[in-house]
Amino acid sequence: MAYEKELATALRLVKEAGVLALRLRKGGIEAEDKPDDSPVTIADRECERLFASGLETEFPADGLLGEEGANKASGSGRRWIIDPIDGTRDYLRGNRLWSHLLALEDNGRAVLGIAAFPALDETYWAVRDQGAFRNGQRIGISSITEVSRSVGCLNQINDAQERPGAGMFLDLASKFWAVRCLGGAQDAVWVASGLAEFWLEPSAKPWDLASLQVIAEEAGAAFMDYRGENTIYGGNAIICVPALVPVARWFLGLTSSYDGGHVSTPPAGS
């Protein structure tokens, strides 16, 4: 099996990171603000250190890219992409929606991804061409094909009014049966496991997206940035069931049609 050692190592490390993060949270924790106003804690830094150390030991020629500063050039054409705690605000609040995100990029393509939610005792993972799994059980996308019956997860609604084309969110949200926003990685794995059909992330870094791209695509979902390209480097992302790709492209202003060929003009401001 391709990437067998890499997967086993990564799963071991996310389990260790989960134990560490839960222990640190029980002891009470404080945060500092980074230049972008996002919080960072000792748990973010210590978990990234755990990942970086473990990966360097097992795969010394591989590169590293981490949210909290891990950065190592690759000598193998491969790079590990690390988000030590995705959802630090959730972690600080004591809810269970935060996660560890770990991915392996091989020659510019994410080929292995893990999203672990220690407080929920759930770990999602995928390797290219080998399927997607949650706690060892294969997962797949929903069979729903109509937007009016779908669940949409639209992230970062809090600052939607400040983004270009602010009316786009309301136009899009009104087409779904329900809109639910649990935050980043949780919403994305909901799509991958058939609990939702559409996830919108208007602002994200590669470490937010690399593992989710692999998991979603191996589960059968489509992945694109706001230009309609299949990349984790566009600064944003949409994950959806293939039947809703026309809805995504309509929202992005890339087409004038959506949902089964019904024609509509793109949203204002697109």
C-alpha atoms as a PDB file:
ATOM      1  CA  MET A   1       0.000   0.000   0.000  1.00  0.00           C
ATOM      2  CA  ALA A   2       1.369   3.389  -0.980  1.00  0.00           C
ATOM      3  CA  TYR A   3       2.349   5.695   1.892  1.00  0.00           C
ATOM      4  CA  GLU A   4       1.775   2.955   4.455  1.00  0.00           C
ATOM      5  CA  LYS A   5       4.582   4.052   6.771  1.00  0.00           C
ATOM      6  CA  GLU A   6       3.657   7.695   6.329  1.00  0.00           C
ATOM      7  CA  LEU A   7       0.038   7.055   7.312  1.00  0.00           C
ATOM      8  CA  ALA A   8       0.972   4.944  10.328  1.00  0.00           C
ATOM      9  CA  THR A   9       3.413   7.597  11.531  1.00  0.00           C
ATOM     10  CA  ALA A  10       0.972  10.443  11.006  1.00  0.00           C
ATOM     11  CA  LEU A  11      -1.832   8.627  12.819  1.00  0.00           C
ATOM     12  CA  ARG A  12       0.482   7.937  15.740  1.00  0.00           C
ATOM     13  CA  LEU A  13       1.535  11.572  15.930  1.00  0.00           C
ATOM     14  CA  VAL A  14      -1.999  12.978  15.836  1.00  0.00           C
ATOM     15  CA  LYS A  15      -2.958  10.604  18.626  1.00  0.00           C
ATOM     16  CA  GLU A  16      -0.017  11.817  20.711  1.00  0.00           C
ATOM     17  CA  ALA A  17      -0.878  15.436  19.905  1.00  0.00           C
ATOM     18  CA  GLY A  18      -4.474  14.861  20.991  1.00  0.00           C
ATOM     19  CA  VAL A  19      -3.379  13.527  24.366  1.00  0.00           C
ATOM     20  CA  LEU A  20      -1.049  16.505  24.777  1.00  0.00           C
ATOM     21  CA  ALA A  21      -3.644  19.112  23.776  1.00  0.00           C
ATOM     22  CA  LEU A  22      -6.328  17.661  26.043  1.00  0.00           C
ATOM     23  CA  ARG A  23      -3.914  17.561  28.981  1.00  0.00           C
ATOM     24  CA  LEU A  24      -2.830  21.165  28.449  1.00  0.00           C
ATOM     25  CA  ARG A  25      -6.456  22.299  28.168  1.00  0.00           C
ATOM     26  CA  LYS A  26      -7.369  20.715  31.497  1.00  0.00           C
ATOM     27  CA  GLY A  27      -4.689  22.734  33.224  1.00  0.00           C
ATOM     28  CA  GLY A  28      -6.153  26.048  32.111  1.00  0.00           C
ATOM     29  CA  ILE A  29      -4.716  27.928  29.186  1.00  0.00           C
ATOM     30  CA  GLU A  30      -4.177  31.467  27.967  1.00  0.00           C
ATOM     31  CA  ALA A  31      -3.721  32.855  24.474  1.00  0.00           C
ATOM     32  CA  GLU A  32      -1.642  35.505  22.763  1.00  0.00           C
ATOM     33  CA  ASP A  33      -2.760  37.390  19.670  1.00  0.00           C
ATOM     34  CA  LYS A  34      -0.761  36.901  16.487  1.00  0.00           C
ATOM     35  CA  PRO A  35      -0.283  39.769  13.998  1.00  0.00           C
ATOM     36  CA  ASP A  36      -3.424  38.659  12.134  1.00  0.00           C
ATOM     37  CA  ASP A  37      -5.424  38.860  15.399  1.00  0.00           C
ATOM     38  CA  SER A  38      -5.869  35.097  15.590  1.00  0.00           C
ATOM     39  CA  PRO A  39      -5.006  33.479  18.927  1.00  0.00           C
ATOM     40  CA  VAL A  40      -2.115  31.150  19.628  1.00  0.00           C
ATOM     41  CA  THR A  41      -1.540  29.059  22.745  1.00  0.00           C
ATOM     42  CA  ILE A  42       1.147  26.867  24.220  1.00  0.00           C
ATOM     43  CA  ALA A  43      -0.862  23.919  22.872  1.00  0.00           C
ATOM     44  CA  ASP A  44      -0.526  25.182  19.272  1.00  0.00           C
ATOM     45  CA  ARG A  45       3.231  25.525  19.680  1.00  0.00           C
ATOM     46  CA  GLU A  46       3.817  22.297  21.582  1.00  0.00           C
ATOM     47  CA  CYS A  47       1.691  20.226  19.203  1.00  0.00           C
ATOM     48  CA  GLU A  48       3.514  21.656  16.195  1.00  0.00           C
ATOM     49  CA  ARG A  49       6.828  20.870  17.879  1.00  0.00           C
ATOM     50  CA  LEU A  50       5.642  17.291  18.454  1.00  0.00           C
ATOM     51  CA  PHE A  51       4.642  16.906  14.804  1.00  0.00           C
ATOM     52  CA  ALA A  52       7.820  18.463  13.439  1.00  0.00           C
ATOM     53  CA  SER A  53      10.124  16.408  15.674  1.00  0.00           C
ATOM     54  CA  GLY A  54       8.354  13.141  14.926  1.00  0.00           C
ATOM     55  CA  LEU A  55       8.267  13.708  11.188  1.00  0.00           C
ATOM     56  CA  GLU A  56      11.905  14.784  11.012  1.00  0.00           C
ATOM     57  CA  THR A  57      12.908  11.621  12.872  1.00  0.00           C
ATOM     58  CA  GLU A  58      10.982   9.307  10.532  1.00  0.00           C
ATOM     59  CA  PHE A  59      11.374  11.204   7.267  1.00  0.00           C
ATOM     60  CA  PRO A  60      14.475  13.396   7.533  1.00  0.00           C
ATOM     61  CA  ALA A  61      14.545  14.341   3.842  1.00  0.00           C
ATOM     62  CA  ASP A  62      10.987  15.670   3.823  1.00  0.00           C
ATOM     63  CA  GLY A  63      10.153  19.350   4.128  1.00  0.00           C
ATOM     64  CA  LEU A  64       7.867  20.980   6.691  1.00  0.00           C
ATOM     65  CA  LEU A  65       5.345  23.811   6.589  1.00  0.00           C
ATOM     66  CA  GLY A  66       3.507  24.619   9.819  1.00  0.00           C
ATOM     67  CA  GLU A  67       1.125  27.357  10.878  1.00  0.00           C
ATOM     68  CA  GLU A  68       3.236  28.239  13.915  1.00  0.00           C
ATOM     69  CA  GLY A  69       6.524  28.608  12.081  1.00  0.00           C
ATOM     70  CA  ALA A  70       7.812  25.136  11.221  1.00  0.00           C
ATOM     71  CA  ASN A  71       9.563  25.586   7.895  1.00  0.00           C
ATOM     72  CA  LYS A  72      12.085  23.238   6.367  1.00  0.00           C
ATOM     73  CA  ALA A  73      13.106  22.882   2.741  1.00  0.00           C
ATOM     74  CA  SER A  74      12.483  19.511   1.158  1.00  0.00           C
ATOM     75  CA  GLY A  75      15.228  17.271  -0.140  1.00  0.00           C
ATOM     76  CA  SER A  76      12.808  14.589  -1.306  1.00  0.00           C
ATOM     77  CA  GLY A  77      10.149  16.450  -3.263  1.00  0.00           C
ATOM     78  CA  ARG A  78       7.784  15.908  -0.331  1.00  0.00           C
ATOM     79  CA  ARG A  79       6.544  18.246   2.377  1.00  0.00           C
ATOM     80  CA  TRP A  80       4.416  17.781   5.489  1.00  0.00           C
ATOM     81  CA  ILE A  81       1.829  20.525   6.055  1.00  0.00           C
ATOM     82  CA  ILE A  82       0.840  21.039   9.691  1.00  0.00           C
ATOM     83  CA  ASP A  83      -1.998  22.837  11.441  1.00  0.00           C
ATOM     84  CA  PRO A  84      -1.300  21.891  15.053  1.00  0.00           C
ATOM     85  CA  ILE A  85      -4.671  23.113  16.338  1.00  0.00           C
ATOM     86  CA  ASP A  86      -7.268  24.139  13.802  1.00  0.00           C
ATOM     87  CA  GLY A  87      -9.910  26.109  15.667  1.00  0.00           C
ATOM     88  CA  THR A  88      -7.849  27.595  18.483  1.00  0.00           C
ATOM     89  CA  ARG A  89     -10.789  29.787  19.527  1.00  0.00           C
ATOM     90  CA  ASP A  90     -12.915  26.645  19.910  1.00  0.00           C
ATOM     91  CA  TYR A  91     -10.097  25.034  21.876  1.00  0.00           C
ATOM     92  CA  LEU A  92      -9.940  28.037  24.209  1.00  0.00           C
ATOM     93  CA  ARG A  93     -13.700  28.054  24.732  1.00  0.00           C
ATOM     94  CA  GLY A  94     -13.611  24.411  25.759  1.00  0.00           C
ATOM     95  CA  ASN A  95     -15.898  23.059  23.057  1.00  0.00           C
ATOM     96  CA  ARG A  96     -15.097  19.937  21.030  1.00  0.00           C
ATOM     97  CA  LEU A  97     -14.825  21.251  17.474  1.00  0.00           C
ATOM     98  CA  TRP A  98     -11.065  21.902  17.264  1.00  0.00           C
ATOM     99  CA  SER A  99      -8.797  19.526  15.415  1.00  0.00           C
ATOM    100  CA  HIS A 100      -5.291  18.556  14.349  1.00  0.00           C
ATOM    101  CA  LEU A 101      -4.709  18.740  10.597  1.00  0.00           C
ATOM    102  CA  LEU A 102      -1.747  16.951   9.049  1.00  0.00           C
ATOM    103  CA  ALA A 103      -1.066  16.358   5.359  1.00  0.00           C
ATOM    104  CA  LEU A 104       1.703  15.093   3.113  1.00  0.00           C
ATOM    105  CA  GLU A 105       2.373  16.875  -0.147  1.00  0.00           C
ATOM    106  CA  ASP A 106       4.300  14.914  -2.790  1.00  0.00           C
ATOM    107  CA  ASN A 107       5.669  16.898  -5.740  1.00  0.00           C
ATOM    108  CA  GLY A 108       3.151  19.676  -5.182  1.00  0.00           C
ATOM    109  CA  ARG A 109       0.069  17.495  -4.646  1.00  0.00           C
ATOM    110  CA  ALA A 110      -1.488  16.611  -1.299  1.00  0.00           C
ATOM    111  CA  VAL A 111      -1.552  12.815  -1.187  1.00  0.00           C
ATOM    112  CA  LEU A 112      -2.309  12.020   2.456  1.00  0.00           C
ATOM    113  CA  GLY A 113      -4.501  13.866   4.917  1.00  0.00           C
ATOM    114  CA  ILE A 114      -5.636  13.484   8.504  1.00  0.00           C
ATOM    115  CA  ALA A 115      -8.191  15.528  10.448  1.00  0.00           C
ATOM    116  CA  ALA A 116      -8.327  14.419  14.079  1.00  0.00           C
ATOM    117  CA  PHE A 117     -10.855  15.712  16.623  1.00  0.00           C
ATOM    118  CA  PRO A 118      -9.499  14.486  19.985  1.00  0.00           C
ATOM    119  CA  ALA A 119     -12.358  15.844  22.087  1.00  0.00           C
ATOM    120  CA  LEU A 120     -14.835  13.997  19.870  1.00  0.00           C
ATOM    121  CA  ASP A 121     -12.716  10.841  19.622  1.00  0.00           C
ATOM    122  CA  GLU A 122     -12.966  11.021  15.825  1.00  0.00           C
ATOM    123  CA  THR A 123     -10.150  10.765  13.304  1.00  0.00           C
ATOM    124  CA  TYR A 124     -10.653  11.124   9.567  1.00  0.00           C
ATOM    125  CA  TRP A 125      -7.957  10.168   7.087  1.00  0.00           C
ATOM    126  CA  ALA A 126      -7.385   9.482   3.436  1.00  0.00           C
ATOM    127  CA  VAL A 127      -4.619   8.493   1.052  1.00  0.00           C
ATOM    128  CA  ARG A 128      -4.893   9.125  -2.680  1.00  0.00           C
ATOM    129  CA  ASP A 129      -6.661   6.284  -4.498  1.00  0.00           C
ATOM    130  CA  GLN A 130      -7.291   4.403  -1.244  1.00  0.00           C
ATOM    131  CA  GLY A 131     -10.550   5.927   0.015  1.00  0.00           C
ATOM    132  CA  ALA A 132     -11.496   8.060   3.001  1.00  0.00           C
ATOM    133  CA  PHE A 133     -12.139   6.798   6.528  1.00  0.00           C
ATOM    134  CA  ARG A 134     -13.466   7.843   9.936  1.00  0.00           C
ATOM    135  CA  ASN A 135     -12.178   5.762  12.850  1.00  0.00           C
ATOM    136  CA  GLY A 136     -11.371   2.974  10.407  1.00  0.00           C
ATOM    137  CA  GLN A 137     -14.746   2.909   8.653  1.00  0.00           C
ATOM    138  CA  ARG A 138     -14.983   4.022   5.038  1.00  0.00           C
ATOM    139  CA  ILE A 139     -16.942   7.213   4.455  1.00  0.00           C
ATOM    140  CA  GLY A 140     -18.525   8.765   1.394  1.00  0.00           C
ATOM    141  CA  ILE A 141     -20.529  11.756   0.313  1.00  0.00           C
ATOM    142  CA  SER A 142     -24.282  12.190   0.382  1.00  0.00           C
ATOM    143  CA  SER A 143     -26.453  11.037  -2.526  1.00  0.00           C
ATOM    144  CA  ILE A 144     -28.507  14.259  -2.392  1.00  0.00           C
ATOM    145  CA  THR A 145     -28.314  16.149  -5.673  1.00  0.00           C
ATOM    146  CA  GLU A 146     -30.805  19.008  -5.234  1.00  0.00           C
ATOM    147  CA  VAL A 147     -29.632  22.207  -3.587  1.00  0.00           C
ATOM    148  CA  SER A 148     -33.067  22.741  -2.042  1.00  0.00           C
ATOM    149  CA  ARG A 149     -32.629  19.474  -0.094  1.00  0.00           C
ATOM    150  CA  SER A 150     -28.997  20.089   0.817  1.00  0.00           C
ATOM    151  CA  VAL A 151     -27.189  21.299   3.911  1.00  0.00           C
ATOM    152  CA  GLY A 152     -24.793  24.151   3.282  1.00  0.00           C
ATOM    153  CA  CYS A 153     -21.956  25.067   5.634  1.00  0.00           C
ATOM    154  CA  LEU A 154     -20.965  28.684   5.029  1.00  0.00           C
ATOM    155  CA  ASN A 155     -17.992  29.642   7.132  1.00  0.00           C
ATOM    156  CA  GLN A 156     -16.958  33.116   8.345  1.00  0.00           C
ATOM    157  CA  ILE A 157     -20.392  34.683   8.036  1.00  0.00           C
ATOM    158  CA  ASN A 158     -19.329  37.085  10.799  1.00  0.00           C
ATOM    159  CA  ASP A 159     -17.364  39.248   8.376  1.00  0.00           C
ATOM    160  CA  ALA A 160     -19.338  38.566   5.194  1.00  0.00           C
ATOM    161  CA  GLN A 161     -20.495  42.196   4.996  1.00  0.00           C
ATOM    162  CA  GLU A 162     -16.889  43.327   4.719  1.00  0.00           C
ATOM    163  CA  ARG A 163     -16.097  41.087   1.750  1.00  0.00           C
ATOM    164  CA  PRO A 164     -16.605  41.981  -1.920  1.00  0.00           C
ATOM    165  CA  GLY A 165     -20.100  41.015  -3.041  1.00  0.00           C
ATOM    166  CA  ALA A 166     -21.542  40.853   0.464  1.00  0.00           C
ATOM    167  CA  GLY A 167     -24.977  39.865  -0.849  1.00  0.00           C
ATOM    168  CA  MET A 168     -23.555  36.635  -2.219  1.00  0.00           C
ATOM    169  CA  PHE A 169     -23.787  34.889   1.142  1.00  0.00           C
ATOM    170  CA  LEU A 170     -27.508  35.532   1.528  1.00  0.00           C
ATOM    171  CA  ASP A 171     -28.208  34.612  -2.092  1.00  0.00           C
ATOM    172  CA  LEU A 172     -26.363  31.343  -1.653  1.00  0.00           C
ATOM    173  CA  ALA A 173     -27.720  30.517   1.815  1.00  0.00           C
ATOM    174  CA  SER A 174     -31.318  30.949   0.676  1.00  0.00           C
ATOM    175  CA  LYS A 175     -31.000  28.054  -1.765  1.00  0.00           C
ATOM    176  CA  PHE A 176     -30.247  25.370   0.843  1.00  0.00           C
ATOM    177  CA  TRP A 177     -32.683  23.398   2.974  1.00  0.00           C
ATOM    178  CA  ALA A 178     -30.513  24.293   5.993  1.00  0.00           C
ATOM    179  CA  VAL A 179     -27.324  26.191   6.763  1.00  0.00           C
ATOM    180  CA  ARG A 180     -25.115  24.919   9.585  1.00  0.00           C
ATOM    181  CA  CYS A 181     -21.755  26.344  10.562  1.00  0.00           C
ATOM    182  CA  LEU A 182     -19.687  24.392  13.070  1.00  0.00           C
ATOM    183  CA  GLY A 183     -16.402  25.786  11.788  1.00  0.00           C
ATOM    184  CA  GLY A 184     -13.740  24.898   9.264  1.00  0.00           C
ATOM    185  CA  ALA A 185     -12.596  21.310   9.454  1.00  0.00           C
ATOM    186  CA  GLN A 186     -15.743  19.948  11.105  1.00  0.00           C
ATOM    187  CA  ASP A 187     -17.941  21.296   8.317  1.00  0.00           C
ATOM    188  CA  ALA A 188     -15.597  19.926   5.656  1.00  0.00           C
ATOM    189  CA  VAL A 189     -15.572  16.406   7.078  1.00  0.00           C
ATOM    190  CA  TRP A 190     -19.369  16.598   7.351  1.00  0.00           C
ATOM    191  CA  VAL A 191     -19.462  16.930   3.568  1.00  0.00           C
ATOM    192  CA  ALA A 192     -16.974  14.082   3.180  1.00  0.00           C
ATOM    193  CA  SER A 193     -19.055  11.801   5.411  1.00  0.00           C
ATOM    194  CA  GLY A 194     -22.472  12.641   3.941  1.00  0.00           C
ATOM    195  CA  LEU A 195     -23.795  14.872   6.739  1.00  0.00           C
ATOM    196  CA  ALA A 196     -23.769  18.006   4.554  1.00  0.00           C
ATOM    197  CA  GLU A 197     -23.419  18.715   0.854  1.00  0.00           C
ATOM    198  CA  PHE A 198     -21.615  22.060   0.564  1.00  0.00           C
ATOM    199  CA  TRP A 199     -18.829  23.825   2.459  1.00  0.00           C
ATOM    200  CA  LEU A 200     -17.629  27.350   1.785  1.00  0.00           C
ATOM    201  CA  GLU A 201     -14.401  28.717   3.294  1.00  0.00           C
ATOM    202  CA  PRO A 202     -13.719  32.315   2.198  1.00  0.00           C
ATOM    203  CA  SER A 203     -10.282  32.670   3.808  1.00  0.00           C
ATOM    204  CA  ALA A 204      -7.833  29.854   4.447  1.00  0.00           C
ATOM    205  CA  LYS A 205      -4.161  28.909   4.358  1.00  0.00           C
ATOM    206  CA  PRO A 206      -2.639  25.743   2.880  1.00  0.00           C
ATOM    207  CA  TRP A 207      -2.439  24.132   6.332  1.00  0.00           C
ATOM    208  CA  ASP A 208      -6.196  24.661   6.732  1.00  0.00           C
ATOM    209  CA  LEU A 209      -6.958  22.924   3.447  1.00  0.00           C
ATOM    210  CA  ALA A 210      -4.357  20.301   2.526  1.00  0.00           C
ATOM    211  CA  SER A 211      -5.669  17.411   4.598  1.00  0.00           C
ATOM    212  CA  LEU A 212      -9.305  18.323   3.949  1.00  0.00           C
ATOM    213  CA  GLN A 213      -8.750  18.292   0.192  1.00  0.00           C
ATOM    214  CA  VAL A 214      -7.492  14.696   0.250  1.00  0.00           C
ATOM    215  CA  ILE A 215     -10.225  13.476   2.590  1.00  0.00           C
ATOM    216  CA  ALA A 216     -12.992  15.198   0.634  1.00  0.00           C
ATOM    217  CA  GLU A 217     -11.835  14.063  -2.781  1.00  0.00           C
ATOM    218  CA  GLU A 218     -11.282  10.485  -1.670  1.00  0.00           C
ATOM    219  CA  ALA A 219     -14.828  10.519  -0.255  1.00  0.00           C
ATOM    220  CA  GLY A 220     -16.129  11.602  -3.676  1.00  0.00           C
ATOM    221  CA  ALA A 221     -16.480  15.381  -3.210  1.00  0.00           C
ATOM    222  CA  ALA A 222     -15.289  18.173  -5.473  1.00  0.00           C
ATOM    223  CA  PHE A 223     -12.712  20.716  -4.273  1.00  0.00           C
ATOM    224  CA  MET A 224     -12.023  24.145  -5.777  1.00  0.00           C
ATOM    225  CA  ASP A 225     -10.884  27.625  -4.878  1.00  0.00           C
ATOM    226  CA  TYR A 226     -12.755  30.814  -5.743  1.00  0.00           C
ATOM    227  CA  ARG A 227     -11.251  30.773  -9.240  1.00  0.00           C
ATOM    228  CA  GLY A 228     -12.635  27.304  -9.802  1.00  0.00           C
ATOM    229  CA  GLU A 229      -9.172  25.728  -9.587  1.00  0.00           C
ATOM    230  CA  ASN A 230      -8.203  22.581  -7.726  1.00  0.00           C
ATOM    231  CA  THR A 231      -5.593  24.103  -5.405  1.00  0.00           C
ATOM    232  CA  ILE A 232      -4.983  24.589  -1.685  1.00  0.00           C
ATOM    233  CA  TYR A 233      -3.051  27.793  -2.402  1.00  0.00           C
ATOM    234  CA  GLY A 234      -5.890  30.033  -3.577  1.00  0.00           C
ATOM    235  CA  GLY A 235      -6.649  31.433  -0.118  1.00  0.00           C
ATOM    236  CA  ASN A 236     -10.202  30.035  -0.038  1.00  0.00           C
ATOM    237  CA  ALA A 237     -12.104  26.862  -0.899  1.00  0.00           C
ATOM    238  CA  ILE A 238     -15.365  25.132  -1.666  1.00  0.00           C
ATOM    239  CA  ILE A 239     -15.964  21.440  -1.000  1.00  0.00           C
ATOM    240  CA  CYS A 240     -19.225  20.026  -2.306  1.00  0.00           C
ATOM    241  CA  VAL A 241     -20.908  16.980  -3.767  1.00  0.00           C
ATOM    242  CA  PRO A 242     -20.352  16.888  -7.550  1.00  0.00           C
ATOM    243  CA  ALA A 243     -24.041  17.598  -8.218  1.00  0.00           C
ATOM    244  CA  LEU A 244     -23.627  21.027  -6.581  1.00  0.00           C
ATOM    245  CA  VAL A 245     -20.564  22.105  -8.550  1.00  0.00           C
ATOM    246  CA  PRO A 246     -22.846  24.216 -10.808  1.00  0.00           C
ATOM    247  CA  VAL A 247     -24.131  25.974  -7.673  1.00  0.00           C
ATOM    248  CA  ALA A 248     -20.551  26.662  -6.590  1.00  0.00           C
ATOM    249  CA  ARG A 249     -19.619  28.031 -10.000  1.00  0.00           C
ATOM    250  CA  TRP A 250     -22.749  30.196 -10.070  1.00  0.00           C
ATOM    251  CA  PHE A 251     -21.876  31.600  -6.639  1.00  0.00           C
ATOM    252  CA  LEU A 252     -18.349  32.367  -7.813  1.00  0.00           C
ATOM    253  CA  GLY A 253     -19.658  34.141 -10.912  1.00  0.00           C
ATOM    254  CA  LEU A 254     -18.012  31.578 -13.195  1.00  0.00           C
ATOM    255  CA  THR A 255     -21.302  30.582 -14.850  1.00  0.00           C
ATOM    256  CA  SER A 256     -24.815  31.939 -15.200  1.00  0.00           C
ATOM    257  CA  SER A 257     -26.561  28.637 -14.436  1.00  0.00           C
ATOM    258  CA  TYR A 258     -27.036  26.443 -11.414  1.00  0.00           C
ATOM    259  CA  ASP A 259     -28.927  23.410 -10.109  1.00  0.00           C
ATOM    260  CA  GLY A 260     -29.982  21.190 -12.918  1.00  0.00           C
ATOM    261  CA  GLY A 261     -29.482  23.716 -15.686  1.00  0.00           C
ATOM    262  CA  HIS A 262     -31.873  26.401 -14.457  1.00  0.00           C
ATOM    263  CA  VAL A 263     -30.508  29.707 -15.662  1.00  0.00           C
ATOM    264  CA  SER A 264     -29.915  32.645 -13.365  1.00  0.00           C
ATOM    265  CA  THR A 265     -27.648  35.660 -13.359  1.00  0.00           C
ATOM    266  CA  PRO A 266     -24.601  35.555 -11.052  1.00  0.00           C
ATOM    267  CA  PRO A 267     -25.095  37.152  -7.615  1.00  0.00           C
ATOM    268  CA  ALA A 268     -24.612  40.869  -7.311  1.00  0.00           C
ATOM    269  CA  GLY A 269     -20.995  41.837  -6.755  1.00  0.00           C
ATOM    270  CA  SER A 270     -19.510  38.644  -8.167  1.00  0.00           C
END
